Amino acid sequence: MSLRTTVAALAAVLSLALPVAASAAELKVAYVDLQRVLLEVDDGKAAKARLQKWLDDKQKEIDKEQTALRAEKETLDKQASAMSAEVRAQKEGELQKKVMVLAQKWEKSRGEAANKERQEMEPIINKIDQVVASIAQRDDLGMVLDKRDSGIVFAKAQYDISNEVIRAYNGSGKKTTAAKDAPTK
């Protein structure tokens, strides 16, 4: 290959690589800690409180049933010596069935909790996504990454827009309320 063709090939490669490098240099990137935002926005705090109350109520219900089953077992243990083997086996079988029903109820409540959390958080997550998109458009960001799920190991704090997302999210509901409450002339 002659020097002229080598220089021409190098010039062609550079002419293709420079616009890509230039556009990459202009690419603005930020990240957001979506989990933190979800827990710190007002709607997220309220949803978490509602979920916690629901979980506490379910736990109290299950604890109450569990206490009743323990008391029933203690009574059975005390009376076992006075019972015939058949009656004792029957009572133990009934108690075992009640324990299994309670375990199934507990598993079902765990599934309900996950479903309830998804229902509570989905509209909040959608609104957070809209807020992130509006900030990205306003600041001409080419990319906004989720801190936890993007594989980011390190990033400078100046690229974290989590606080801004929280402020914008919480402020978006107050603006509409303030506009409704404003006096008309």
N, C-alpha and C. Protein backbone atom coordinates (compact mmCIF):
# COMPACT_ATOMS: atom_id res chain seq x y z
N MET A 1 0.85 -1.17 0.00
CA MET A 1 0.00 0.00 0.00
C MET A 1 0.89 1.23 0.00
N SER A 2 0.56 2.16 -0.85
CA SER A 2 1.39 3.35 -0.97
C SER A 2 1.07 4.33 0.14
N LEU A 3 1.94 5.27 0.30
CA LEU A 3 1.77 6.30 1.32
C LEU A 3 0.52 7.12 1.06
N ARG A 4 0.25 7.39 -0.19
CA ARG A 4 -0.91 8.20 -0.56
C ARG A 4 -2.21 7.48 -0.18
N THR A 5 -2.33 6.18 -0.44
CA THR A 5 -3.54 5.44 -0.08
C THR A 5 -3.66 5.29 1.43
N THR A 6 -2.56 5.15 2.13
CA THR A 6 -2.58 5.06 3.58
C THR A 6 -3.08 6.36 4.19
N VAL A 7 -2.58 7.48 3.68
CA VAL A 7 -3.01 8.80 4.17
C VAL A 7 -4.49 9.00 3.85
N ALA A 8 -4.93 8.58 2.68
CA ALA A 8 -6.34 8.73 2.29
C ALA A 8 -7.23 7.88 3.18
N ALA A 9 -6.81 6.66 3.47
CA ALA A 9 -7.59 5.78 4.35
C ALA A 9 -7.65 6.34 5.76
N LEU A 10 -6.54 6.87 6.24
CA LEU A 10 -6.51 7.48 7.56
C LEU A 10 -7.41 8.71 7.62
N ALA A 11 -7.41 9.50 6.59
CA ALA A 11 -8.26 10.69 6.53
C ALA A 11 -9.73 10.29 6.52
N ALA A 12 -10.06 9.22 5.81
CA ALA A 12 -11.44 8.75 5.76
C ALA A 12 -11.89 8.26 7.15
N VAL A 13 -11.05 7.52 7.80
CA VAL A 13 -11.38 7.01 9.15
C VAL A 13 -11.55 8.18 10.11
N LEU A 14 -10.64 9.15 10.07
CA LEU A 14 -10.74 10.31 10.95
C LEU A 14 -11.99 11.14 10.66
N SER A 15 -12.35 11.26 9.40
CA SER A 15 -13.53 12.06 9.06
C SER A 15 -14.80 11.39 9.58
N LEU A 16 -14.80 10.08 9.68
CA LEU A 16 -15.95 9.38 10.25
C LEU A 16 -15.92 9.39 11.78
N ALA A 17 -14.74 9.32 12.36
CA ALA A 17 -14.61 9.23 13.81
C ALA A 17 -14.79 10.57 14.50
N LEU A 18 -14.39 11.66 13.90
CA LEU A 18 -14.47 12.96 14.55
C LEU A 18 -15.91 13.39 14.86
N PRO A 19 -16.86 13.26 13.94
CA PRO A 19 -18.24 13.65 14.32
C PRO A 19 -18.80 12.79 15.46
N VAL A 20 -18.45 11.52 15.47
CA VAL A 20 -18.91 10.64 16.55
C VAL A 20 -18.28 11.08 17.87
N ALA A 21 -17.01 11.36 17.86
CA ALA A 21 -16.34 11.81 19.08
C ALA A 21 -16.88 13.16 19.53
N ALA A 22 -17.14 14.04 18.58
CA ALA A 22 -17.67 15.36 18.92
C ALA A 22 -19.07 15.24 19.52
N SER A 23 -19.90 14.40 18.93
CA SER A 23 -21.25 14.25 19.48
C SER A 23 -21.21 13.57 20.84
N ALA A 24 -20.27 12.66 21.04
CA ALA A 24 -20.13 12.01 22.34
C ALA A 24 -19.67 13.03 23.38
N ALA A 25 -18.84 13.98 22.97
CA ALA A 25 -18.37 15.00 23.90
C ALA A 25 -19.52 15.91 24.31
N GLU A 26 -20.52 16.09 23.46
CA GLU A 26 -21.67 16.95 23.74
C GLU A 26 -22.77 16.22 24.50
N LEU A 27 -22.69 14.93 24.59
CA LEU A 27 -23.72 14.16 25.27
C LEU A 27 -23.71 14.47 26.76
N LYS A 28 -24.85 14.95 27.26
CA LYS A 28 -24.98 15.25 28.68
C LYS A 28 -25.68 14.08 29.35
N VAL A 29 -25.09 13.62 30.44
CA VAL A 29 -25.63 12.47 31.15
C VAL A 29 -25.83 12.85 32.61
N ALA A 30 -26.91 12.33 33.19
CA ALA A 30 -27.16 12.52 34.63
C ALA A 30 -27.66 11.18 35.16
N TYR A 31 -27.74 11.11 36.49
CA TYR A 31 -28.32 9.91 37.09
C TYR A 31 -29.26 10.32 38.21
N VAL A 32 -30.14 9.41 38.54
CA VAL A 32 -31.12 9.65 39.60
C VAL A 32 -31.25 8.37 40.42
N ASP A 33 -31.37 8.53 41.72
CA ASP A 33 -31.60 7.40 42.61
C ASP A 33 -33.11 7.25 42.75
N LEU A 34 -33.71 6.46 41.86
CA LEU A 34 -35.17 6.35 41.82
C LEU A 34 -35.74 5.78 43.10
N GLN A 35 -35.03 4.86 43.73
CA GLN A 35 -35.52 4.28 44.99
C GLN A 35 -35.62 5.36 46.06
N ARG A 36 -34.60 6.18 46.16
CA ARG A 36 -34.60 7.27 47.14
C ARG A 36 -35.69 8.29 46.82
N VAL A 37 -35.84 8.63 45.55
CA VAL A 37 -36.87 9.58 45.14
C VAL A 37 -38.24 9.03 45.52
N LEU A 38 -38.48 7.77 45.23
CA LEU A 38 -39.76 7.14 45.52
C LEU A 38 -40.09 7.21 47.01
N LEU A 39 -39.08 7.05 47.85
CA LEU A 39 -39.30 7.07 49.30
C LEU A 39 -39.37 8.48 49.88
N GLU A 40 -38.86 9.47 49.15
CA GLU A 40 -38.81 10.82 49.70
C GLU A 40 -39.85 11.77 49.15
N VAL A 41 -40.48 11.46 48.02
CA VAL A 41 -41.54 12.34 47.54
C VAL A 41 -42.75 12.18 48.46
N ASP A 42 -43.55 13.23 48.55
CA ASP A 42 -44.69 13.23 49.47
C ASP A 42 -45.65 12.07 49.19
N ASP A 43 -45.96 11.84 47.92
CA ASP A 43 -46.87 10.75 47.57
C ASP A 43 -46.29 9.39 47.96
N GLY A 44 -44.98 9.25 47.80
CA GLY A 44 -44.32 8.00 48.16
C GLY A 44 -44.36 7.76 49.66
N LYS A 45 -44.15 8.82 50.43
CA LYS A 45 -44.24 8.69 51.89
C LYS A 45 -45.65 8.29 52.31
N ALA A 46 -46.66 8.92 51.70
CA ALA A 46 -48.04 8.60 52.04
C ALA A 46 -48.38 7.16 51.65
N ALA A 47 -47.94 6.74 50.48
CA ALA A 47 -48.20 5.37 50.03
C ALA A 47 -47.51 4.37 50.95
N LYS A 48 -46.29 4.68 51.35
CA LYS A 48 -45.56 3.79 52.25
C LYS A 48 -46.28 3.69 53.59
N ALA A 49 -46.80 4.80 54.09
CA ALA A 49 -47.53 4.78 55.36
C ALA A 49 -48.81 3.94 55.24
N ARG A 50 -49.52 4.09 54.11
CA ARG A 50 -50.74 3.28 53.90
C ARG A 50 -50.40 1.81 53.82
N LEU A 51 -49.34 1.47 53.11
CA LEU A 51 -48.91 0.08 53.00
C LEU A 51 -48.50 -0.48 54.36
N GLN A 52 -47.78 0.31 55.13
CA GLN A 52 -47.33 -0.15 56.44
C GLN A 52 -48.52 -0.40 57.36
N LYS A 53 -49.52 0.46 57.31
CA LYS A 53 -50.72 0.27 58.13
C LYS A 53 -51.43 -1.01 57.72
N TRP A 54 -51.55 -1.22 56.42
CA TRP A 54 -52.21 -2.43 55.92
C TRP A 54 -51.44 -3.67 56.38
N LEU A 55 -50.10 -3.62 56.26
CA LEU A 55 -49.27 -4.75 56.69
C LEU A 55 -49.39 -4.99 58.19
N ASP A 56 -49.41 -3.91 58.96
CA ASP A 56 -49.54 -4.05 60.41
C ASP A 56 -50.88 -4.69 60.78
N ASP A 57 -51.95 -4.26 60.10
CA ASP A 57 -53.27 -4.85 60.36
C ASP A 57 -53.29 -6.33 60.03
N LYS A 58 -52.71 -6.70 58.91
CA LYS A 58 -52.65 -8.12 58.52
C LYS A 58 -51.82 -8.92 59.52
N GLN A 59 -50.71 -8.33 59.95
CA GLN A 59 -49.84 -9.02 60.90
C GLN A 59 -50.56 -9.23 62.23
N LYS A 60 -51.32 -8.23 62.68
CA LYS A 60 -52.07 -8.37 63.93
C LYS A 60 -53.11 -9.49 63.82
N GLU A 61 -53.75 -9.55 62.67
CA GLU A 61 -54.76 -10.60 62.44
C GLU A 61 -54.12 -11.99 62.49
N ILE A 62 -52.99 -12.13 61.83
CA ILE A 62 -52.29 -13.43 61.80
C ILE A 62 -51.75 -13.76 63.20
N ASP A 63 -51.20 -12.76 63.89
CA ASP A 63 -50.69 -12.99 65.25
C ASP A 63 -51.81 -13.45 66.19
N LYS A 64 -52.98 -12.86 66.03
CA LYS A 64 -54.12 -13.22 66.87
C LYS A 64 -54.50 -14.69 66.63
N GLU A 65 -54.57 -15.07 65.36
CA GLU A 65 -54.89 -16.47 65.04
C GLU A 65 -53.79 -17.42 65.53
N GLN A 66 -52.55 -16.99 65.41
CA GLN A 66 -51.43 -17.82 65.86
C GLN A 66 -51.48 -18.02 67.39
N THR A 67 -51.81 -16.97 68.10
CA THR A 67 -51.94 -17.07 69.56
C THR A 67 -53.07 -18.03 69.93
N ALA A 68 -54.19 -17.94 69.21
CA ALA A 68 -55.31 -18.85 69.47
C ALA A 68 -54.91 -20.30 69.22
N LEU A 69 -54.14 -20.55 68.15
CA LEU A 69 -53.69 -21.91 67.87
C LEU A 69 -52.72 -22.42 68.93
N ARG A 70 -51.86 -21.55 69.43
CA ARG A 70 -50.94 -21.95 70.51
C ARG A 70 -51.73 -22.35 71.77
N ALA A 71 -52.74 -21.54 72.08
CA ALA A 71 -53.56 -21.84 73.25
C ALA A 71 -54.29 -23.17 73.06
N GLU A 72 -54.79 -23.39 71.85
CA GLU A 72 -55.48 -24.66 71.56
C GLU A 72 -54.52 -25.84 71.69
N LYS A 73 -53.27 -25.65 71.24
CA LYS A 73 -52.29 -26.73 71.35
C LYS A 73 -51.96 -27.00 72.82
N GLU A 74 -51.81 -25.96 73.61
CA GLU A 74 -51.52 -26.14 75.04
C GLU A 74 -52.67 -26.89 75.73
N THR A 75 -53.90 -26.54 75.38
CA THR A 75 -55.06 -27.23 75.96
C THR A 75 -55.05 -28.69 75.54
N LEU A 76 -54.76 -28.93 74.28
CA LEU A 76 -54.70 -30.31 73.78
C LEU A 76 -53.61 -31.10 74.51
N ASP A 77 -52.45 -30.48 74.70
CA ASP A 77 -51.35 -31.17 75.40
C ASP A 77 -51.73 -31.51 76.84
N LYS A 78 -52.45 -30.61 77.49
CA LYS A 78 -52.85 -30.85 78.88
C LYS A 78 -53.88 -31.97 78.97
N GLN A 79 -54.78 -32.02 77.99
CA GLN A 79 -55.87 -33.00 78.03
C GLN A 79 -55.53 -34.30 77.32
N ALA A 80 -54.39 -34.38 76.70
CA ALA A 80 -54.02 -35.55 75.89
C ALA A 80 -54.00 -36.84 76.70
N SER A 81 -53.55 -36.77 77.93
CA SER A 81 -53.47 -38.00 78.73
C SER A 81 -54.84 -38.55 79.07
N ALA A 82 -55.87 -37.72 79.11
CA ALA A 82 -57.22 -38.17 79.43
C ALA A 82 -57.99 -38.63 78.20
N MET A 83 -57.43 -38.41 77.00
CA MET A 83 -58.12 -38.77 75.75
C MET A 83 -57.68 -40.14 75.27
N SER A 84 -58.57 -40.74 74.51
CA SER A 84 -58.18 -42.00 73.86
C SER A 84 -57.25 -41.65 72.70
N ALA A 85 -56.52 -42.62 72.22
CA ALA A 85 -55.56 -42.41 71.13
C ALA A 85 -56.25 -41.90 69.87
N GLU A 86 -57.45 -42.41 69.60
CA GLU A 86 -58.19 -41.98 68.40
C GLU A 86 -58.61 -40.51 68.50
N VAL A 87 -59.16 -40.13 69.65
CA VAL A 87 -59.62 -38.75 69.84
C VAL A 87 -58.42 -37.80 69.79
N ARG A 88 -57.32 -38.19 70.44
CA ARG A 88 -56.12 -37.35 70.44
C ARG A 88 -55.60 -37.19 69.02
N ALA A 89 -55.54 -38.26 68.25
CA ALA A 89 -55.06 -38.19 66.87
C ALA A 89 -55.99 -37.29 66.04
N GLN A 90 -57.28 -37.39 66.27
CA GLN A 90 -58.25 -36.56 65.53
C GLN A 90 -58.04 -35.09 65.87
N LYS A 91 -57.90 -34.77 67.15
CA LYS A 91 -57.70 -33.37 67.58
C LYS A 91 -56.37 -32.82 67.05
N GLU A 92 -55.33 -33.65 67.08
CA GLU A 92 -54.04 -33.21 66.55
C GLU A 92 -54.12 -32.96 65.04
N GLY A 93 -54.87 -33.81 64.34
CA GLY A 93 -55.06 -33.62 62.90
C GLY A 93 -55.81 -32.33 62.60
N GLU A 94 -56.84 -32.04 63.39
CA GLU A 94 -57.60 -30.79 63.21
C GLU A 94 -56.72 -29.58 63.47
N LEU A 95 -55.91 -29.67 64.52
CA LEU A 95 -55.01 -28.57 64.84
C LEU A 95 -53.99 -28.36 63.72
N GLN A 96 -53.47 -29.47 63.19
CA GLN A 96 -52.49 -29.38 62.10
C GLN A 96 -53.11 -28.73 60.86
N LYS A 97 -54.37 -29.06 60.57
CA LYS A 97 -55.07 -28.44 59.43
C LYS A 97 -55.20 -26.93 59.64
N LYS A 98 -55.51 -26.51 60.88
CA LYS A 98 -55.65 -25.08 61.19
C LYS A 98 -54.32 -24.36 61.02
N VAL A 99 -53.23 -25.04 61.42
CA VAL A 99 -51.90 -24.46 61.26
C VAL A 99 -51.59 -24.29 59.77
N MET A 100 -51.93 -25.28 58.96
CA MET A 100 -51.68 -25.20 57.52
C MET A 100 -52.52 -24.09 56.89
N VAL A 101 -53.77 -23.94 57.33
CA VAL A 101 -54.63 -22.87 56.80
C VAL A 101 -54.04 -21.51 57.14
N LEU A 102 -53.53 -21.37 58.36
CA LEU A 102 -52.90 -20.11 58.76
C LEU A 102 -51.64 -19.83 57.94
N ALA A 103 -50.85 -20.86 57.68
CA ALA A 103 -49.65 -20.68 56.85
C ALA A 103 -50.02 -20.25 55.44
N GLN A 104 -51.08 -20.83 54.89
CA GLN A 104 -51.55 -20.44 53.56
C GLN A 104 -52.06 -19.00 53.57
N LYS A 105 -52.74 -18.63 54.64
CA LYS A 105 -53.25 -17.26 54.76
C LYS A 105 -52.08 -16.27 54.80
N TRP A 106 -51.02 -16.65 55.52
CA TRP A 106 -49.84 -15.79 55.60
C TRP A 106 -49.20 -15.63 54.22
N GLU A 107 -49.06 -16.74 53.49
CA GLU A 107 -48.50 -16.68 52.13
C GLU A 107 -49.37 -15.82 51.21
N LYS A 108 -50.67 -15.99 51.32
CA LYS A 108 -51.59 -15.21 50.50
C LYS A 108 -51.46 -13.72 50.82
N SER A 109 -51.32 -13.39 52.09
CA SER A 109 -51.18 -11.98 52.47
C SER A 109 -49.87 -11.39 51.95
N ARG A 110 -48.83 -12.20 51.87
CA ARG A 110 -47.57 -11.72 51.28
C ARG A 110 -47.76 -11.37 49.80
N GLY A 111 -48.48 -12.23 49.08
CA GLY A 111 -48.77 -11.95 47.68
C GLY A 111 -49.64 -10.71 47.53
N GLU A 112 -50.63 -10.58 48.40
CA GLU A 112 -51.50 -9.40 48.37
C GLU A 112 -50.69 -8.13 48.65
N ALA A 113 -49.74 -8.24 49.58
CA ALA A 113 -48.90 -7.09 49.92
C ALA A 113 -48.07 -6.64 48.72
N ALA A 114 -47.51 -7.59 48.01
CA ALA A 114 -46.71 -7.24 46.82
C ALA A 114 -47.59 -6.60 45.75
N ASN A 115 -48.79 -7.14 45.58
CA ASN A 115 -49.72 -6.58 44.60
C ASN A 115 -50.17 -5.18 45.01
N LYS A 116 -50.47 -5.02 46.28
CA LYS A 116 -50.91 -3.72 46.80
C LYS A 116 -49.79 -2.69 46.64
N GLU A 117 -48.55 -3.09 46.93
CA GLU A 117 -47.42 -2.17 46.77
C GLU A 117 -47.28 -1.75 45.31
N ARG A 118 -47.41 -2.69 44.41
CA ARG A 118 -47.31 -2.38 42.99
C ARG A 118 -48.41 -1.40 42.59
N GLN A 119 -49.63 -1.62 43.05
CA GLN A 119 -50.74 -0.72 42.72
C GLN A 119 -50.53 0.68 43.30
N GLU A 120 -49.99 0.75 44.50
CA GLU A 120 -49.76 2.05 45.15
C GLU A 120 -48.63 2.81 44.47
N MET A 121 -47.56 2.11 44.11
CA MET A 121 -46.36 2.77 43.62
C MET A 121 -46.37 3.06 42.12
N GLU A 122 -47.11 2.29 41.35
CA GLU A 122 -47.08 2.46 39.89
C GLU A 122 -47.42 3.88 39.43
N PRO A 123 -48.51 4.51 39.93
CA PRO A 123 -48.78 5.87 39.47
C PRO A 123 -47.70 6.87 39.91
N ILE A 124 -47.11 6.63 41.07
CA ILE A 124 -46.05 7.52 41.56
C ILE A 124 -44.83 7.37 40.68
N ILE A 125 -44.48 6.14 40.33
CA ILE A 125 -43.33 5.89 39.46
C ILE A 125 -43.55 6.53 38.08
N ASN A 126 -44.76 6.41 37.56
CA ASN A 126 -45.06 7.03 36.27
C ASN A 126 -44.89 8.55 36.33
N LYS A 127 -45.34 9.17 37.43
CA LYS A 127 -45.19 10.61 37.57
C LYS A 127 -43.72 10.98 37.73
N ILE A 128 -42.95 10.18 38.46
CA ILE A 128 -41.51 10.42 38.60
C ILE A 128 -40.84 10.36 37.23
N ASP A 129 -41.23 9.37 36.43
CA ASP A 129 -40.67 9.26 35.07
C ASP A 129 -40.96 10.52 34.26
N GLN A 130 -42.16 11.07 34.39
CA GLN A 130 -42.52 12.30 33.67
C GLN A 130 -41.67 13.47 34.15
N VAL A 131 -41.46 13.56 35.46
CA VAL A 131 -40.64 14.64 36.01
C VAL A 131 -39.21 14.51 35.51
N VAL A 132 -38.67 13.30 35.53
CA VAL A 132 -37.30 13.08 35.04
C VAL A 132 -37.21 13.46 33.56
N ALA A 133 -38.21 13.07 32.78
CA ALA A 133 -38.20 13.41 31.35
C ALA A 133 -38.25 14.92 31.13
N SER A 134 -39.04 15.62 31.93
CA SER A 134 -39.12 17.08 31.74
C SER A 134 -37.80 17.76 32.15
N ILE A 135 -37.17 17.28 33.20
CA ILE A 135 -35.87 17.83 33.60
C ILE A 135 -34.83 17.52 32.51
N ALA A 136 -34.87 16.31 31.97
CA ALA A 136 -33.91 15.92 30.92
C ALA A 136 -34.09 16.80 29.69
N GLN A 137 -35.33 17.07 29.32
CA GLN A 137 -35.56 17.93 28.15
C GLN A 137 -35.14 19.37 28.43
N ARG A 138 -35.49 19.86 29.62
CA ARG A 138 -35.14 21.23 29.99
C ARG A 138 -33.63 21.44 29.98
N ASP A 139 -32.89 20.48 30.53
CA ASP A 139 -31.44 20.60 30.65
C ASP A 139 -30.69 19.99 29.46
N ASP A 140 -31.42 19.56 28.45
CA ASP A 140 -30.84 18.96 27.25
C ASP A 140 -29.93 17.78 27.59
N LEU A 141 -30.45 16.91 28.45
CA LEU A 141 -29.71 15.71 28.83
C LEU A 141 -29.95 14.62 27.79
N GLY A 142 -28.90 14.01 27.33
CA GLY A 142 -29.04 12.94 26.36
C GLY A 142 -29.43 11.62 27.01
N MET A 143 -29.13 11.50 28.30
CA MET A 143 -29.37 10.24 28.99
C MET A 143 -29.49 10.51 30.49
N VAL A 144 -30.47 9.83 31.13
CA VAL A 144 -30.58 9.85 32.58
C VAL A 144 -30.64 8.39 33.02
N LEU A 145 -29.70 8.01 33.88
CA LEU A 145 -29.59 6.63 34.32
C LEU A 145 -30.12 6.47 35.74
N ASP A 146 -30.63 5.28 36.03
CA ASP A 146 -31.02 4.95 37.40
C ASP A 146 -29.76 4.51 38.13
N LYS A 147 -29.47 5.14 39.24
CA LYS A 147 -28.22 4.87 39.96
C LYS A 147 -28.08 3.40 40.33
N ARG A 148 -29.15 2.77 40.77
CA ARG A 148 -29.06 1.41 41.29
C ARG A 148 -29.06 0.34 40.18
N ASP A 149 -29.82 0.54 39.14
CA ASP A 149 -29.98 -0.50 38.13
C ASP A 149 -29.13 -0.30 36.88
N SER A 150 -28.34 0.75 36.83
CA SER A 150 -27.60 1.03 35.60
C SER A 150 -26.20 0.46 35.61
N GLY A 151 -25.76 -0.01 36.74
CA GLY A 151 -24.40 -0.51 36.83
C GLY A 151 -23.40 0.58 37.18
N ILE A 152 -23.89 1.76 37.55
CA ILE A 152 -22.99 2.84 37.94
C ILE A 152 -22.27 2.44 39.22
N VAL A 153 -20.98 2.44 39.17
CA VAL A 153 -20.18 2.14 40.35
C VAL A 153 -19.77 3.45 41.03
N PHE A 154 -19.45 4.45 40.21
CA PHE A 154 -19.09 5.76 40.73
C PHE A 154 -19.54 6.81 39.76
N ALA A 155 -20.05 7.90 40.30
CA ALA A 155 -20.37 9.07 39.50
C ALA A 155 -20.27 10.29 40.41
N LYS A 156 -19.84 11.38 39.86
CA LYS A 156 -19.73 12.60 40.65
C LYS A 156 -21.13 13.07 41.06
N ALA A 157 -21.21 13.63 42.25
CA ALA A 157 -22.50 14.09 42.79
C ALA A 157 -23.13 15.18 41.93
N GLN A 158 -22.33 15.92 41.18
CA GLN A 158 -22.87 16.99 40.35
C GLN A 158 -23.80 16.46 39.25
N TYR A 159 -23.70 15.17 38.94
CA TYR A 159 -24.55 14.59 37.91
C TYR A 159 -25.81 13.93 38.49
N ASP A 160 -25.95 13.97 39.81
CA ASP A 160 -27.11 13.40 40.49
C ASP A 160 -28.24 14.42 40.51
N ILE A 161 -29.36 14.08 39.88
CA ILE A 161 -30.50 15.01 39.84
C ILE A 161 -31.63 14.55 40.76
N SER A 162 -31.34 13.65 41.70
CA SER A 162 -32.37 13.11 42.59
C SER A 162 -33.07 14.19 43.39
N ASN A 163 -32.30 15.11 44.00
CA ASN A 163 -32.92 16.17 44.79
C ASN A 163 -33.81 17.06 43.94
N GLU A 164 -33.36 17.35 42.74
CA GLU A 164 -34.15 18.18 41.83
C GLU A 164 -35.45 17.48 41.44
N VAL A 165 -35.38 16.17 41.22
CA VAL A 165 -36.58 15.41 40.88
C VAL A 165 -37.56 15.43 42.06
N ILE A 166 -37.06 15.28 43.27
CA ILE A 166 -37.93 15.30 44.46
C ILE A 166 -38.61 16.66 44.58
N ARG A 167 -37.82 17.73 44.45
CA ARG A 167 -38.40 19.09 44.54
C ARG A 167 -39.44 19.32 43.45
N ALA A 168 -39.12 18.93 42.23
CA ALA A 168 -40.04 19.15 41.11
C ALA A 168 -41.32 18.32 41.29
N TYR A 169 -41.17 17.09 41.74
CA TYR A 169 -42.34 16.22 41.96
C TYR A 169 -43.24 16.81 43.03
N ASN A 170 -42.66 17.14 44.18
CA ASN A 170 -43.46 17.68 45.27
C ASN A 170 -44.03 19.05 44.92
N GLY A 171 -43.30 19.82 44.15
CA GLY A 171 -43.77 21.15 43.75
C GLY A 171 -44.86 21.10 42.70
N SER A 172 -44.90 20.04 41.91
CA SER A 172 -45.90 19.97 40.83
C SER A 172 -47.31 19.89 41.38
N GLY A 173 -47.52 19.21 42.48
CA GLY A 173 -48.85 19.12 43.07
C GLY A 173 -49.25 20.41 43.76
N LYS A 174 -48.28 21.13 44.31
CA LYS A 174 -48.57 22.37 45.03
C LYS A 174 -48.91 23.50 44.07
N LYS A 175 -48.32 23.49 42.88
CA LYS A 175 -48.61 24.55 41.91
C LYS A 175 -50.07 24.50 41.48
N THR A 176 -50.55 23.29 41.20
CA THR A 176 -51.94 23.18 40.75
C THR A 176 -52.90 23.52 41.87
N THR A 177 -52.58 23.15 43.11
CA THR A 177 -53.42 23.49 44.25
C THR A 177 -53.42 24.98 44.47
N ALA A 178 -52.25 25.61 44.38
CA ALA A 178 -52.16 27.05 44.58
C ALA A 178 -52.93 27.79 43.50
N ALA A 179 -52.88 27.30 42.28
CA ALA A 179 -53.61 27.95 41.19
C ALA A 179 -55.13 27.85 41.42
N LYS A 180 -55.57 26.73 41.94
CA LYS A 180 -57.00 26.58 42.20
C LYS A 180 -57.46 27.48 43.34
N ASP A 181 -56.59 27.67 44.34
CA ASP A 181 -56.94 28.46 45.51
C ASP A 181 -56.74 29.95 45.31
N ALA A 182 -56.09 30.33 44.23
CA ALA A 182 -55.81 31.74 43.99
C ALA A 182 -57.10 32.51 43.74
N PRO A 183 -57.18 33.73 44.29
CA PRO A 183 -58.41 34.51 44.07
C PRO A 183 -58.50 34.97 42.62
N THR A 184 -59.70 35.05 42.13
CA THR A 184 -59.93 35.52 40.75
C THR A 184 -60.30 36.99 40.79
N LYS A 185 -59.92 37.72 39.75
CA LYS A 185 -60.20 39.15 39.70
C LYS A 185 -61.39 39.44 38.83
